[in-house]
């Protein structure tokens, strides 16, 4: 199995690991979607008002 230029091993199938910035952006997108779902539930369920 070949390694990345900086010495890190590649993932299975030769895929490269995502950069820390890409992981941070993915995490922010996930949190934004979770917040949208929570807000939708807040709007639908009158008991939360």
N, C-alpha and C. Protein backbone atom coordinates (compact mmCIF):
# COMPACT_ATOMS: atom_id res chain seq x y z
N UNK A 1 0.85 -1.18 0.00
CA UNK A 1 0.00 0.00 0.00
C UNK A 1 0.89 1.24 0.00
N UNK A 2 0.62 2.13 -0.92
CA UNK A 2 1.44 3.34 -1.01
C UNK A 2 0.96 4.38 -0.01
N UNK A 3 1.87 5.27 0.33
CA UNK A 3 1.55 6.33 1.29
C UNK A 3 1.47 7.67 0.56
N UNK A 4 0.89 8.63 1.24
CA UNK A 4 0.84 10.00 0.73
C UNK A 4 2.24 10.60 0.76
N UNK A 5 2.47 11.70 0.06
CA UNK A 5 3.80 12.34 0.11
C UNK A 5 4.25 12.73 1.51
N UNK A 6 3.29 13.04 2.39
CA UNK A 6 3.67 13.42 3.76
C UNK A 6 3.79 12.21 4.69
N UNK A 7 3.70 10.99 4.15
CA UNK A 7 3.90 9.79 4.94
C UNK A 7 2.64 9.15 5.48
N UNK A 8 1.49 9.81 5.34
CA UNK A 8 0.24 9.23 5.83
C UNK A 8 -0.20 8.11 4.90
N UNK A 9 -0.75 7.02 5.44
CA UNK A 9 -1.22 5.94 4.56
C UNK A 9 -2.49 6.35 3.83
N UNK A 10 -2.67 5.77 2.65
CA UNK A 10 -3.91 6.00 1.91
C UNK A 10 -5.02 5.15 2.49
N UNK A 11 -6.26 5.54 2.24
CA UNK A 11 -7.40 4.76 2.67
C UNK A 11 -7.56 3.56 1.76
N UNK A 12 -8.45 2.64 2.10
CA UNK A 12 -8.68 1.45 1.29
C UNK A 12 -9.11 1.86 -0.12
N UNK A 13 -8.65 1.14 -1.11
CA UNK A 13 -9.01 1.45 -2.49
C UNK A 13 -8.19 2.57 -3.08
N UNK A 14 -7.16 3.04 -2.38
CA UNK A 14 -6.31 4.09 -2.92
C UNK A 14 -6.88 5.49 -2.78
N UNK A 15 -7.97 5.63 -2.04
CA UNK A 15 -8.56 6.97 -1.87
C UNK A 15 -7.70 7.80 -0.95
N UNK A 16 -7.77 9.10 -1.13
CA UNK A 16 -6.99 10.02 -0.29
C UNK A 16 -7.84 10.50 0.87
N UNK A 17 -7.20 10.80 1.97
CA UNK A 17 -7.91 11.33 3.14
C UNK A 17 -8.32 12.78 2.85
N UNK A 18 -9.52 13.18 3.29
CA UNK A 18 -9.92 14.58 3.11
C UNK A 18 -9.07 15.51 3.97
N UNK A 19 -8.86 16.70 3.49
CA UNK A 19 -8.06 17.67 4.24
C UNK A 19 -8.82 18.13 5.48
N UNK A 20 -8.13 18.70 6.45
CA UNK A 20 -8.83 19.21 7.65
C UNK A 20 -9.87 20.28 7.30
N UNK A 21 -9.58 21.11 6.30
CA UNK A 21 -10.55 22.12 5.90
C UNK A 21 -11.81 21.47 5.34
N UNK A 22 -11.64 20.44 4.51
CA UNK A 22 -12.80 19.74 3.95
C UNK A 22 -13.62 19.09 5.06
N UNK A 23 -12.96 18.54 6.05
CA UNK A 23 -13.69 17.94 7.17
C UNK A 23 -14.45 18.99 7.95
N UNK A 24 -13.85 20.16 8.16
CA UNK A 24 -14.52 21.23 8.90
C UNK A 24 -15.75 21.72 8.14
N UNK A 25 -15.62 21.89 6.83
CA UNK A 25 -16.75 22.34 6.02
C UNK A 25 -17.86 21.30 6.04
N UNK A 26 -17.50 20.02 5.95
CA UNK A 26 -18.51 18.96 6.01
C UNK A 26 -19.22 18.96 7.35
N UNK A 27 -18.48 19.18 8.42
CA UNK A 27 -19.10 19.24 9.74
C UNK A 27 -20.05 20.42 9.88
N UNK A 28 -19.67 21.56 9.33
CA UNK A 28 -20.56 22.73 9.37
C UNK A 28 -21.83 22.49 8.55
N UNK A 29 -21.70 21.85 7.40
CA UNK A 29 -22.88 21.52 6.59
C UNK A 29 -23.80 20.57 7.35
N UNK A 30 -23.22 19.58 8.01
CA UNK A 30 -24.01 18.64 8.80
C UNK A 30 -24.76 19.36 9.91
N UNK A 31 -24.09 20.26 10.62
CA UNK A 31 -24.74 21.01 11.70
C UNK A 31 -25.83 21.93 11.16
N UNK A 32 -25.61 22.54 9.99
CA UNK A 32 -26.63 23.40 9.40
C UNK A 32 -27.87 22.59 9.04
N UNK A 33 -27.69 21.40 8.50
CA UNK A 33 -28.84 20.55 8.17
C UNK A 33 -29.56 20.10 9.43
N UNK A 34 -28.81 19.74 10.46
CA UNK A 34 -29.44 19.33 11.71
C UNK A 34 -30.23 20.48 12.33
N UNK A 35 -29.70 21.70 12.24
CA UNK A 35 -30.41 22.86 12.76
C UNK A 35 -31.69 23.12 11.97
N UNK A 36 -31.64 22.93 10.65
CA UNK A 36 -32.83 23.13 9.82
C UNK A 36 -33.90 22.10 10.18
N UNK A 37 -33.51 20.86 10.42
CA UNK A 37 -34.47 19.83 10.81
C UNK A 37 -35.06 20.15 12.18
N UNK A 38 -34.23 20.57 13.12
CA UNK A 38 -34.73 20.92 14.45
C UNK A 38 -35.69 22.10 14.39
N UNK A 39 -35.39 23.09 13.56
CA UNK A 39 -36.28 24.24 13.42
C UNK A 39 -37.60 23.83 12.77
N UNK A 40 -37.53 22.93 11.80
CA UNK A 40 -38.76 22.42 11.17
C UNK A 40 -39.63 21.69 12.18
N UNK A 41 -39.02 20.89 13.03
CA UNK A 41 -39.80 20.22 14.08
C UNK A 41 -40.40 21.23 15.05
N UNK A 42 -39.64 22.27 15.36
CA UNK A 42 -40.15 23.32 16.24
C UNK A 42 -41.39 23.98 15.63
N UNK A 43 -41.36 24.20 14.32
CA UNK A 43 -42.50 24.84 13.66
C UNK A 43 -43.70 23.91 13.56
N UNK A 44 -43.46 22.61 13.43
CA UNK A 44 -44.55 21.66 13.24
C UNK A 44 -45.25 21.32 14.55
N UNK A 45 -44.49 21.16 15.63
CA UNK A 45 -45.06 20.69 16.90
C UNK A 45 -45.46 21.89 17.75
N UNK A 46 -46.77 22.11 17.95
CA UNK A 46 -47.22 23.29 18.70
C UNK A 46 -46.81 23.26 20.18
N UNK A 47 -46.55 22.09 20.72
CA UNK A 47 -46.19 21.98 22.13
C UNK A 47 -44.87 22.71 22.42
N UNK A 48 -44.02 22.87 21.42
CA UNK A 48 -42.73 23.54 21.61
C UNK A 48 -42.85 25.06 21.66
N UNK A 49 -44.00 25.60 21.32
CA UNK A 49 -44.14 27.07 21.26
C UNK A 49 -44.49 27.63 22.61
